[in-house]
């Protein structure tokens, strides 16, 4: 959905960007739509950085959450916050 660049003071997302196949593209588009000094508030699904993909029980829980909630790939907090930073945001 195209939005005019530099046209919003505030954008928020609640458990939405996680449903995009490539969240970096979504975050980048949000960043472009914000005016200088604008604020992006996001509440999102992330896994703890202690998640162990080699742990069968943890992996099964992750897949169950993804399947039940229509999420393509839940990432860790570190991965998610880095993706947001890579889009140009400063985390507060």
C-alpha atoms as a PDB file:
ATOM      1  CA  UNK A   1       0.000   0.000   0.000  1.00  0.00           C
ATOM      2  CA  UNK A   2       1.817   3.145  -1.123  1.00  0.00           C
ATOM      3  CA  UNK A   3       1.962   6.099   1.244  1.00  0.00           C
ATOM      4  CA  UNK A   4       3.383   9.488   0.449  1.00  0.00           C
ATOM      5  CA  UNK A   5       6.884   9.952   1.847  1.00  0.00           C
ATOM      6  CA  UNK A   6       7.376  12.259   4.836  1.00  0.00           C
ATOM      7  CA  UNK A   7       3.647  12.519   5.462  1.00  0.00           C
ATOM      8  CA  UNK A   8       3.049  11.083   8.959  1.00  0.00           C
ATOM      9  CA  UNK A   9       4.077  12.216  12.423  1.00  0.00           C
ATOM     10  CA  UNK A  10       3.242   8.893  14.070  1.00  0.00           C
ATOM     11  CA  UNK A  11       2.836   5.326  12.853  1.00  0.00           C
ATOM     12  CA  UNK A  12       2.039   2.356  15.054  1.00  0.00           C
ATOM     13  CA  UNK A  13       1.810  -1.368  14.508  1.00  0.00           C
ATOM     14  CA  UNK A  14       0.413  -3.975  16.875  1.00  0.00           C
ATOM     15  CA  UNK A  15       1.302  -7.585  16.044  1.00  0.00           C
ATOM     16  CA  UNK A  16       1.108  -6.813  12.328  1.00  0.00           C
ATOM     17  CA  UNK A  17       4.546  -6.563  10.729  1.00  0.00           C
ATOM     18  CA  UNK A  18       5.355 -10.121  11.793  1.00  0.00           C
ATOM     19  CA  UNK A  19       2.873 -11.328   9.170  1.00  0.00           C
ATOM     20  CA  UNK A  20       4.862  -9.803   6.313  1.00  0.00           C
ATOM     21  CA  UNK A  21       7.214 -12.233   4.563  1.00  0.00           C
ATOM     22  CA  UNK A  22       9.998  -9.622   4.678  1.00  0.00           C
ATOM     23  CA  UNK A  23       9.664  -7.312   7.664  1.00  0.00           C
ATOM     24  CA  UNK A  24      12.634  -5.153   6.666  1.00  0.00           C
ATOM     25  CA  UNK A  25      10.718  -3.910   3.628  1.00  0.00           C
ATOM     26  CA  UNK A  26       7.732  -3.038   5.809  1.00  0.00           C
ATOM     27  CA  UNK A  27       9.888  -1.178   8.333  1.00  0.00           C
ATOM     28  CA  UNK A  28      11.650   0.675   5.524  1.00  0.00           C
ATOM     29  CA  UNK A  29       8.329   1.820   4.034  1.00  0.00           C
ATOM     30  CA  UNK A  30       7.146   2.978   7.462  1.00  0.00           C
ATOM     31  CA  UNK A  31      10.400   4.881   7.924  1.00  0.00           C
ATOM     32  CA  UNK A  32       9.960   6.612   4.553  1.00  0.00           C
ATOM     33  CA  UNK A  33       6.361   7.593   5.375  1.00  0.00           C
ATOM     34  CA  UNK A  34       7.375   9.318   8.622  1.00  0.00           C
ATOM     35  CA  UNK A  35       8.290  12.976   8.731  1.00  0.00           C
ATOM     36  CA  UNK A  36      11.666  13.911  10.212  1.00  0.00           C
ATOM     37  CA  UNK A  37      11.393  13.395  13.967  1.00  0.00           C
ATOM     38  CA  UNK A  38       8.357  11.127  13.546  1.00  0.00           C
ATOM     39  CA  UNK A  39       7.702   8.231  15.896  1.00  0.00           C
ATOM     40  CA  UNK A  40       7.053   4.579  15.125  1.00  0.00           C
ATOM     41  CA  UNK A  41       5.536   2.539  17.941  1.00  0.00           C
ATOM     42  CA  UNK A  42       5.595  -1.205  17.477  1.00  0.00           C
ATOM     43  CA  UNK A  43       4.391  -4.130  19.570  1.00  0.00           C
ATOM     44  CA  UNK A  44       5.488  -7.332  17.915  1.00  0.00           C
ATOM     45  CA  UNK A  45       6.052 -11.056  18.296  1.00  0.00           C
ATOM     46  CA  UNK A  46       9.729 -11.832  18.930  1.00  0.00           C
ATOM     47  CA  UNK A  47      11.375 -14.831  20.532  1.00  0.00           C
ATOM     48  CA  UNK A  48      13.791 -14.532  23.402  1.00  0.00           C
ATOM     49  CA  UNK A  49      17.451 -14.464  22.435  1.00  0.00           C
ATOM     50  CA  UNK A  50      17.791 -17.653  24.483  1.00  0.00           C
ATOM     51  CA  UNK A  51      15.720 -19.538  21.888  1.00  0.00           C
ATOM     52  CA  UNK A  52      17.573 -22.684  20.826  1.00  0.00           C
ATOM     53  CA  UNK A  53      16.567 -24.004  17.407  1.00  0.00           C
ATOM     54  CA  UNK A  54      18.351 -27.275  18.219  1.00  0.00           C
ATOM     55  CA  UNK A  55      16.015 -27.824  21.178  1.00  0.00           C
ATOM     56  CA  UNK A  56      13.154 -29.926  19.792  1.00  0.00           C
ATOM     57  CA  UNK A  57      10.628 -28.760  22.390  1.00  0.00           C
ATOM     58  CA  UNK A  58      11.387 -25.077  21.788  1.00  0.00           C
ATOM     59  CA  UNK A  59      11.249 -25.569  18.032  1.00  0.00           C
ATOM     60  CA  UNK A  60       7.869 -27.340  18.284  1.00  0.00           C
ATOM     61  CA  UNK A  61       6.456 -24.503  20.390  1.00  0.00           C
ATOM     62  CA  UNK A  62       7.731 -21.931  17.920  1.00  0.00           C
ATOM     63  CA  UNK A  63       6.223 -23.763  14.947  1.00  0.00           C
ATOM     64  CA  UNK A  64       2.906 -24.154  16.791  1.00  0.00           C
ATOM     65  CA  UNK A  65       2.754 -20.400  17.447  1.00  0.00           C
ATOM     66  CA  UNK A  66       3.656 -19.621  13.840  1.00  0.00           C
ATOM     67  CA  UNK A  67       1.055 -22.022  12.474  1.00  0.00           C
ATOM     68  CA  UNK A  68      -1.765 -20.959  14.811  1.00  0.00           C
ATOM     69  CA  UNK A  69      -1.164 -17.246  14.271  1.00  0.00           C
ATOM     70  CA  UNK A  70      -0.312 -17.244  10.567  1.00  0.00           C
ATOM     71  CA  UNK A  71       3.254 -16.075  11.110  1.00  0.00           C
ATOM     72  CA  UNK A  72       5.835 -17.010   8.505  1.00  0.00           C
ATOM     73  CA  UNK A  73       8.909 -16.753  10.739  1.00  0.00           C
ATOM     74  CA  UNK A  74       9.227 -15.429  14.281  1.00  0.00           C
ATOM     75  CA  UNK A  75      12.716 -14.028  14.835  1.00  0.00           C
ATOM     76  CA  UNK A  76      14.632 -13.342  18.029  1.00  0.00           C
ATOM     77  CA  UNK A  77      14.599  -9.977  19.778  1.00  0.00           C
ATOM     78  CA  UNK A  78      18.132  -9.280  18.535  1.00  0.00           C
ATOM     79  CA  UNK A  79      17.265 -10.150  14.942  1.00  0.00           C
ATOM     80  CA  UNK A  80      14.053  -8.133  15.026  1.00  0.00           C
ATOM     81  CA  UNK A  81      15.570  -5.036  16.574  1.00  0.00           C
ATOM     82  CA  UNK A  82      18.473  -5.166  14.115  1.00  0.00           C
ATOM     83  CA  UNK A  83      16.011  -5.315  11.226  1.00  0.00           C
ATOM     84  CA  UNK A  84      14.270  -2.217  12.590  1.00  0.00           C
ATOM     85  CA  UNK A  85      17.610  -0.418  12.946  1.00  0.00           C
ATOM     86  CA  UNK A  86      18.626  -1.458   9.421  1.00  0.00           C
ATOM     87  CA  UNK A  87      15.494   0.277   8.124  1.00  0.00           C
ATOM     88  CA  UNK A  88      16.825   3.538   9.598  1.00  0.00           C
ATOM     89  CA  UNK A  89      15.146   3.700  13.003  1.00  0.00           C
ATOM     90  CA  UNK A  90      16.814   4.650  16.256  1.00  0.00           C
ATOM     91  CA  UNK A  91      15.535   2.512  19.121  1.00  0.00           C
ATOM     92  CA  UNK A  92      14.689   4.302  22.345  1.00  0.00           C
END
